[in-house]
Amino acid sequence: MAIVAKRTIMSLYSDNDDIYSHQVRIVLAEKGVNVDIMPVKAGDASADLLAINPYGTVPTLIDRELVLYKSRIIMEYLDERFPHPPLLPVYPVARAETRKMMHRIQQDWYCLLQQIYAGVEVDAARQQLLESLIGLEPVFADKPYFLSDEFSLLDCVIAPLLWRLPQLGVDVPEDALGLHAYMQRVFKRECFQTSLSDAERQLRAA
């Protein structure tokens, strides 16, 4: 009698409108991972979540006995756990440069996003974010994806932020052709469309 092994399904505690949860959902979709999404509102952790993650934060990934939190840790784990398609460069120097750029995006752009959400000097933060994005127009126009010919973790970090620009009140001018083309290219990817929650789809429903 043949024995059929059960397929392990990962579980992800995810907020339907949390940008960090969105990052991880894009990676899971790109890798084609079968995952059970468990909705949790950021800042309102359930008892089940607190039992496995002392910080009660999202996203939190469960893979058998392994529990991971913080989006960067989860995304890099998933890239190693499911190596195809690769989302980080093979060579150490290129991987380090990618990680450094992910850190810069977090420090330079995500901090402004959080500032806008918090209602702190909103107009200045919006202007700074827009100017920073426009300043990289040649980079967005240079290659199909951010600094690369292939879709990577950098795109998984940038795309959720760009998707939320209307919510942030940041209007990209029409003459930023490279940035607009990049957004359309990434937003149309199957992994990105699959990753979107209903709440996130509403951000650009119009």
C-alpha atoms as a PDB file:
ATOM      1  CA  MET A   1       0.000   0.000   0.000  1.00  0.00           C
ATOM      2  CA  ALA A   2       1.402   3.350  -1.020  1.00  0.00           C
ATOM      3  CA  ILE A   3       1.872   5.922   1.709  1.00  0.00           C
ATOM      4  CA  VAL A   4       0.989   9.444   0.706  1.00  0.00           C
ATOM      5  CA  ALA A   5       2.910  12.105   2.620  1.00  0.00           C
ATOM      6  CA  LYS A   6       0.893  15.021   3.870  1.00  0.00           C
ATOM      7  CA  ARG A   7       1.909  18.327   2.389  1.00  0.00           C
ATOM      8  CA  THR A   8       2.874  20.830   5.030  1.00  0.00           C
ATOM      9  CA  ILE A   9       1.135  24.157   4.670  1.00  0.00           C
ATOM     10  CA  MET A  10       2.815  27.229   6.107  1.00  0.00           C
ATOM     11  CA  SER A  11       0.787  29.671   8.159  1.00  0.00           C
ATOM     12  CA  LEU A  12       1.143  33.434   8.080  1.00  0.00           C
ATOM     13  CA  TYR A  13      -0.320  35.862  10.572  1.00  0.00           C
ATOM     14  CA  SER A  14      -0.909  38.878   8.366  1.00  0.00           C
ATOM     15  CA  ASP A  15      -2.641  42.243   8.579  1.00  0.00           C
ATOM     16  CA  ASN A  16      -4.694  42.866   5.428  1.00  0.00           C
ATOM     17  CA  ASP A  17      -3.418  46.452   5.208  1.00  0.00           C
ATOM     18  CA  ASP A  18       0.041  46.167   6.762  1.00  0.00           C
ATOM     19  CA  ILE A  19       2.885  47.024   4.410  1.00  0.00           C
ATOM     20  CA  TYR A  20       5.293  44.548   6.004  1.00  0.00           C
ATOM     21  CA  SER A  21       2.760  41.723   5.771  1.00  0.00           C
ATOM     22  CA  HIS A  22       2.276  42.707   2.136  1.00  0.00           C
ATOM     23  CA  GLN A  23       6.006  42.295   1.453  1.00  0.00           C
ATOM     24  CA  VAL A  24       5.895  38.708   2.682  1.00  0.00           C
ATOM     25  CA  ARG A  25       2.699  37.893   0.793  1.00  0.00           C
ATOM     26  CA  ILE A  26       4.396  38.984  -2.445  1.00  0.00           C
ATOM     27  CA  VAL A  27       7.336  36.645  -1.807  1.00  0.00           C
ATOM     28  CA  LEU A  28       5.018  33.743  -0.961  1.00  0.00           C
ATOM     29  CA  ALA A  29       3.046  34.347  -4.165  1.00  0.00           C
ATOM     30  CA  GLU A  30       6.190  34.651  -6.298  1.00  0.00           C
ATOM     31  CA  LYS A  31       7.464  31.359  -4.882  1.00  0.00           C
ATOM     32  CA  GLY A  32       4.090  29.671  -5.295  1.00  0.00           C
ATOM     33  CA  VAL A  33       4.023  28.604  -1.651  1.00  0.00           C
ATOM     34  CA  ASN A  34       0.842  27.073  -0.280  1.00  0.00           C
ATOM     35  CA  VAL A  35       0.123  29.188   2.789  1.00  0.00           C
ATOM     36  CA  ASP A  36      -2.737  29.589   5.243  1.00  0.00           C
ATOM     37  CA  ILE A  37      -3.291  33.323   5.819  1.00  0.00           C
ATOM     38  CA  MET A  38      -4.574  34.156   9.295  1.00  0.00           C
ATOM     39  CA  PRO A  39      -5.798  37.778   9.451  1.00  0.00           C
ATOM     40  CA  VAL A  40      -4.695  39.769  12.502  1.00  0.00           C
ATOM     41  CA  LYS A  41      -4.871  43.523  12.939  1.00  0.00           C
ATOM     42  CA  ALA A  42      -1.463  45.052  13.671  1.00  0.00           C
ATOM     43  CA  GLY A  43      -1.330  46.142  17.291  1.00  0.00           C
ATOM     44  CA  ASP A  44      -4.207  43.849  18.276  1.00  0.00           C
ATOM     45  CA  ALA A  45      -2.520  40.486  18.672  1.00  0.00           C
ATOM     46  CA  SER A  46      -4.607  37.408  19.410  1.00  0.00           C
ATOM     47  CA  ALA A  47      -3.773  35.014  22.237  1.00  0.00           C
ATOM     48  CA  ASP A  48      -2.672  32.453  19.639  1.00  0.00           C
ATOM     49  CA  LEU A  49      -0.218  34.883  18.099  1.00  0.00           C
ATOM     50  CA  LEU A  50       1.162  35.997  21.455  1.00  0.00           C
ATOM     51  CA  ALA A  51       1.712  32.354  22.368  1.00  0.00           C
ATOM     52  CA  ILE A  52       4.242  31.947  19.551  1.00  0.00           C
ATOM     53  CA  ASN A  53       5.526  35.507  19.105  1.00  0.00           C
ATOM     54  CA  PRO A  54       6.232  37.400  22.343  1.00  0.00           C
ATOM     55  CA  TYR A  55       6.014  40.712  20.477  1.00  0.00           C
ATOM     56  CA  GLY A  56       2.635  39.930  18.937  1.00  0.00           C
ATOM     57  CA  THR A  57       3.708  41.504  15.651  1.00  0.00           C
ATOM     58  CA  VAL A  58       2.767  40.836  12.056  1.00  0.00           C
ATOM     59  CA  PRO A  59       3.856  39.311   9.846  1.00  0.00           C
ATOM     60  CA  THR A  60       4.602  36.088  11.723  1.00  0.00           C
ATOM     61  CA  LEU A  61       5.369  32.922   9.757  1.00  0.00           C
ATOM     62  CA  ILE A  62       4.984  29.345  11.008  1.00  0.00           C
ATOM     63  CA  ASP A  63       6.781  26.571   9.134  1.00  0.00           C
ATOM     64  CA  ARG A  64       6.464  23.326  11.084  1.00  0.00           C
ATOM     65  CA  GLU A  65       8.231  24.015  14.401  1.00  0.00           C
ATOM     66  CA  LEU A  66       9.848  27.205  13.133  1.00  0.00           C
ATOM     67  CA  VAL A  67       8.327  30.572  13.996  1.00  0.00           C
ATOM     68  CA  LEU A  68       9.716  33.716  12.388  1.00  0.00           C
ATOM     69  CA  TYR A  69       8.818  37.391  12.691  1.00  0.00           C
ATOM     70  CA  LYS A  70      10.066  40.603  11.048  1.00  0.00           C
ATOM     71  CA  SER A  71       9.473  40.765   7.311  1.00  0.00           C
ATOM     72  CA  ARG A  72      13.156  40.898   6.305  1.00  0.00           C
ATOM     73  CA  ILE A  73      13.937  37.694   8.223  1.00  0.00           C
ATOM     74  CA  ILE A  74      10.884  35.930   6.793  1.00  0.00           C
ATOM     75  CA  MET A  75      11.548  37.000   3.196  1.00  0.00           C
ATOM     76  CA  GLU A  76      15.179  35.892   3.241  1.00  0.00           C
ATOM     77  CA  TYR A  77      14.215  32.588   4.849  1.00  0.00           C
ATOM     78  CA  LEU A  78      11.610  31.969   2.159  1.00  0.00           C
ATOM     79  CA  ASP A  79      14.146  32.754  -0.559  1.00  0.00           C
ATOM     80  CA  GLU A  80      16.512  30.126   0.849  1.00  0.00           C
ATOM     81  CA  ARG A  81      13.765  27.611   1.646  1.00  0.00           C
ATOM     82  CA  PHE A  82      12.311  27.868  -1.858  1.00  0.00           C
ATOM     83  CA  PRO A  83      15.283  28.789  -4.092  1.00  0.00           C
ATOM     84  CA  HIS A  84      13.332  29.068  -7.369  1.00  0.00           C
ATOM     85  CA  PRO A  85      12.877  31.683  -8.579  1.00  0.00           C
ATOM     86  CA  PRO A  86      15.755  33.323  -6.690  1.00  0.00           C
ATOM     87  CA  LEU A  87      15.015  36.774  -5.276  1.00  0.00           C
ATOM     88  CA  LEU A  88      18.510  37.552  -3.998  1.00  0.00           C
ATOM     89  CA  PRO A  89      21.715  37.547  -6.083  1.00  0.00           C
ATOM     90  CA  VAL A  90      23.952  34.495  -5.939  1.00  0.00           C
ATOM     91  CA  TYR A  91      27.227  36.268  -5.242  1.00  0.00           C
ATOM     92  CA  PRO A  92      28.032  37.594  -1.740  1.00  0.00           C
ATOM     93  CA  VAL A  93      28.943  41.129  -2.818  1.00  0.00           C
ATOM     94  CA  ALA A  94      25.753  41.542  -4.835  1.00  0.00           C
ATOM     95  CA  ARG A  95      23.686  40.055  -1.992  1.00  0.00           C
ATOM     96  CA  ALA A  96      25.260  42.491   0.447  1.00  0.00           C
ATOM     97  CA  GLU A  97      24.546  45.426  -1.867  1.00  0.00           C
ATOM     98  CA  THR A  98      20.914  44.312  -2.154  1.00  0.00           C
ATOM     99  CA  ARG A  99      20.586  44.057   1.629  1.00  0.00           C
ATOM    100  CA  LYS A 100      22.136  47.503   2.006  1.00  0.00           C
ATOM    101  CA  MET A 101      19.658  48.980  -0.475  1.00  0.00           C
ATOM    102  CA  MET A 102      16.754  47.298   1.358  1.00  0.00           C
ATOM    103  CA  HIS A 103      17.990  48.970   4.542  1.00  0.00           C
ATOM    104  CA  ARG A 104      18.171  52.347   2.792  1.00  0.00           C
ATOM    105  CA  ILE A 105      14.617  51.981   1.481  1.00  0.00           C
ATOM    106  CA  GLN A 106      13.482  51.203   5.005  1.00  0.00           C
ATOM    107  CA  GLN A 107      15.341  54.161   6.493  1.00  0.00           C
ATOM    108  CA  ASP A 108      14.629  56.715   3.778  1.00  0.00           C
ATOM    109  CA  TRP A 109      11.159  55.856   2.447  1.00  0.00           C
ATOM    110  CA  TYR A 110       9.404  53.669   5.005  1.00  0.00           C
ATOM    111  CA  CYS A 111      10.232  56.122   7.766  1.00  0.00           C
ATOM    112  CA  LEU A 112       8.487  58.852   5.767  1.00  0.00           C
ATOM    113  CA  LEU A 113       5.509  56.546   5.214  1.00  0.00           C
ATOM    114  CA  GLN A 114       5.246  55.941   8.967  1.00  0.00           C
ATOM    115  CA  GLN A 115       5.555  59.680   9.576  1.00  0.00           C
ATOM    116  CA  ILE A 116       2.623  60.352   7.237  1.00  0.00           C
ATOM    117  CA  TYR A 117       0.542  57.625   8.889  1.00  0.00           C
ATOM    118  CA  ALA A 118       1.348  59.135  12.281  1.00  0.00           C
ATOM    119  CA  GLY A 119       0.286  62.608  11.133  1.00  0.00           C
ATOM    120  CA  VAL A 120       3.665  64.181  11.928  1.00  0.00           C
ATOM    121  CA  GLU A 121       4.717  67.014   9.584  1.00  0.00           C
ATOM    122  CA  VAL A 122       2.724  65.283   6.869  1.00  0.00           C
ATOM    123  CA  ASP A 123       3.180  67.805   4.064  1.00  0.00           C
ATOM    124  CA  ALA A 124       6.946  67.856   4.493  1.00  0.00           C
ATOM    125  CA  ALA A 125       7.107  64.049   4.584  1.00  0.00           C
ATOM    126  CA  ARG A 126       4.992  63.757   1.428  1.00  0.00           C
ATOM    127  CA  GLN A 127       7.174  66.231  -0.406  1.00  0.00           C
ATOM    128  CA  GLN A 128      10.369  64.539   0.725  1.00  0.00           C
ATOM    129  CA  LEU A 129       9.096  61.109  -0.326  1.00  0.00           C
ATOM    130  CA  LEU A 130       7.994  62.377  -3.730  1.00  0.00           C
ATOM    131  CA  GLU A 131      11.270  64.198  -4.365  1.00  0.00           C
ATOM    132  CA  SER A 132      13.252  61.120  -3.377  1.00  0.00           C
ATOM    133  CA  LEU A 133      11.269  58.895  -5.743  1.00  0.00           C
ATOM    134  CA  ILE A 134      11.503  61.369  -8.610  1.00  0.00           C
ATOM    135  CA  GLY A 135      15.218  61.740  -7.960  1.00  0.00           C
ATOM    136  CA  LEU A 136      15.598  58.050  -8.797  1.00  0.00           C
ATOM    137  CA  GLU A 137      13.643  58.343 -12.044  1.00  0.00           C
ATOM    138  CA  PRO A 138      16.741  57.373 -14.111  1.00  0.00           C
ATOM    139  CA  VAL A 139      17.154  54.225 -11.990  1.00  0.00           C
ATOM    140  CA  PHE A 140      13.522  53.202 -12.451  1.00  0.00           C
ATOM    141  CA  ALA A 141      13.853  53.812 -16.196  1.00  0.00           C
ATOM    142  CA  ASP A 142      17.165  51.977 -16.593  1.00  0.00           C
ATOM    143  CA  LYS A 143      16.113  48.363 -16.022  1.00  0.00           C
ATOM    144  CA  PRO A 144      12.848  46.399 -15.961  1.00  0.00           C
ATOM    145  CA  TYR A 145      13.072  46.042 -12.184  1.00  0.00           C
ATOM    146  CA  PHE A 146      14.794  48.055  -9.459  1.00  0.00           C
ATOM    147  CA  LEU A 147      18.540  47.896 -10.210  1.00  0.00           C
ATOM    148  CA  SER A 148      18.005  44.531 -11.914  1.00  0.00           C
ATOM    149  CA  ASP A 149      16.789  42.761 -15.018  1.00  0.00           C
ATOM    150  CA  GLU A 150      15.014  40.254 -12.764  1.00  0.00           C
ATOM    151  CA  PHE A 151      12.319  40.654 -10.113  1.00  0.00           C
ATOM    152  CA  SER A 152      13.966  40.625  -6.665  1.00  0.00           C
ATOM    153  CA  LEU A 153      13.424  41.249  -2.958  1.00  0.00           C
ATOM    154  CA  LEU A 154      14.046  44.940  -3.644  1.00  0.00           C
ATOM    155  CA  ASP A 155      10.887  45.007  -5.727  1.00  0.00           C
ATOM    156  CA  CYS A 156       9.016  43.129  -2.994  1.00  0.00           C
ATOM    157  CA  VAL A 157       9.940  45.964  -0.631  1.00  0.00           C
ATOM    158  CA  ILE A 158       9.347  48.894  -2.989  1.00  0.00           C
ATOM    159  CA  ALA A 159       6.104  47.758  -4.649  1.00  0.00           C
ATOM    160  CA  PRO A 160       3.906  47.811  -1.495  1.00  0.00           C
ATOM    161  CA  LEU A 161       5.030  51.354  -0.772  1.00  0.00           C
ATOM    162  CA  LEU A 162       4.351  52.554  -4.317  1.00  0.00           C
ATOM    163  CA  TRP A 163       0.935  50.869  -4.246  1.00  0.00           C
ATOM    164  CA  ARG A 164       0.070  52.952  -1.168  1.00  0.00           C
ATOM    165  CA  LEU A 165       1.062  56.337  -2.643  1.00  0.00           C
ATOM    166  CA  PRO A 166      -2.573  57.404  -3.254  1.00  0.00           C
ATOM    167  CA  GLN A 167      -3.398  56.550   0.368  1.00  0.00           C
ATOM    168  CA  LEU A 168      -0.380  58.602   1.455  1.00  0.00           C
ATOM    169  CA  GLY A 169      -1.516  61.582  -0.617  1.00  0.00           C
ATOM    170  CA  VAL A 170       1.564  61.403  -2.862  1.00  0.00           C
ATOM    171  CA  ASP A 171       0.802  62.103  -6.526  1.00  0.00           C
ATOM    172  CA  VAL A 172       3.532  61.090  -8.977  1.00  0.00           C
ATOM    173  CA  PRO A 173       3.650  63.557 -11.922  1.00  0.00           C
ATOM    174  CA  GLU A 174       2.864  62.185 -15.368  1.00  0.00           C
ATOM    175  CA  ASP A 175       6.287  63.119 -16.722  1.00  0.00           C
ATOM    176  CA  ALA A 176       7.966  60.605 -14.373  1.00  0.00           C
ATOM    177  CA  LEU A 177       7.683  58.068 -17.169  1.00  0.00           C
ATOM    178  CA  GLY A 178      10.222  55.582 -15.817  1.00  0.00           C
ATOM    179  CA  LEU A 179       8.585  55.425 -12.404  1.00  0.00           C
ATOM    180  CA  HIS A 180       5.090  55.044 -13.872  1.00  0.00           C
ATOM    181  CA  ALA A 181       6.287  52.292 -16.223  1.00  0.00           C
ATOM    182  CA  TYR A 182       7.992  50.511 -13.325  1.00  0.00           C
ATOM    183  CA  MET A 183       4.835  50.663 -11.204  1.00  0.00           C
ATOM    184  CA  GLN A 184       2.672  49.298 -13.987  1.00  0.00           C
ATOM    185  CA  ARG A 185       5.166  46.516 -14.691  1.00  0.00           C
ATOM    186  CA  VAL A 186       5.348  45.405 -11.067  1.00  0.00           C
ATOM    187  CA  PHE A 187       1.667  45.867 -10.272  1.00  0.00           C
ATOM    188  CA  LYS A 188       0.693  43.655 -13.230  1.00  0.00           C
ATOM    189  CA  ARG A 189       2.865  40.757 -12.102  1.00  0.00           C
ATOM    190  CA  GLU A 190       0.856  37.719 -11.098  1.00  0.00           C
ATOM    191  CA  CYS A 191       2.604  37.495  -7.726  1.00  0.00           C
ATOM    192  CA  PHE A 192       1.671  41.076  -6.891  1.00  0.00           C
ATOM    193  CA  GLN A 193      -1.953  40.682  -7.925  1.00  0.00           C
ATOM    194  CA  THR A 194      -2.204  37.446  -5.934  1.00  0.00           C
ATOM    195  CA  SER A 195      -0.672  39.091  -2.870  1.00  0.00           C
ATOM    196  CA  LEU A 196      -3.270  41.853  -2.614  1.00  0.00           C
ATOM    197  CA  SER A 197      -5.915  41.680   0.095  1.00  0.00           C
ATOM    198  CA  ASP A 198      -9.366  43.101  -0.568  1.00  0.00           C
ATOM    199  CA  ALA A 199      -8.483  46.110   1.591  1.00  0.00           C
ATOM    200  CA  GLU A 200      -5.332  46.749  -0.434  1.00  0.00           C
ATOM    201  CA  ARG A 201      -7.166  46.462  -3.741  1.00  0.00           C
ATOM    202  CA  GLN A 202      -9.471  49.252  -2.607  1.00  0.00           C
ATOM    203  CA  LEU A 203      -6.487  51.627  -2.339  1.00  0.00           C
ATOM    204  CA  ARG A 204      -6.433  51.843  -6.138  1.00  0.00           C
ATOM    205  CA  ALA A 205      -9.977  50.760  -6.932  1.00  0.00           C
ATOM    206  CA  ALA A 206     -10.704  54.050  -8.647  1.00  0.00           C
END
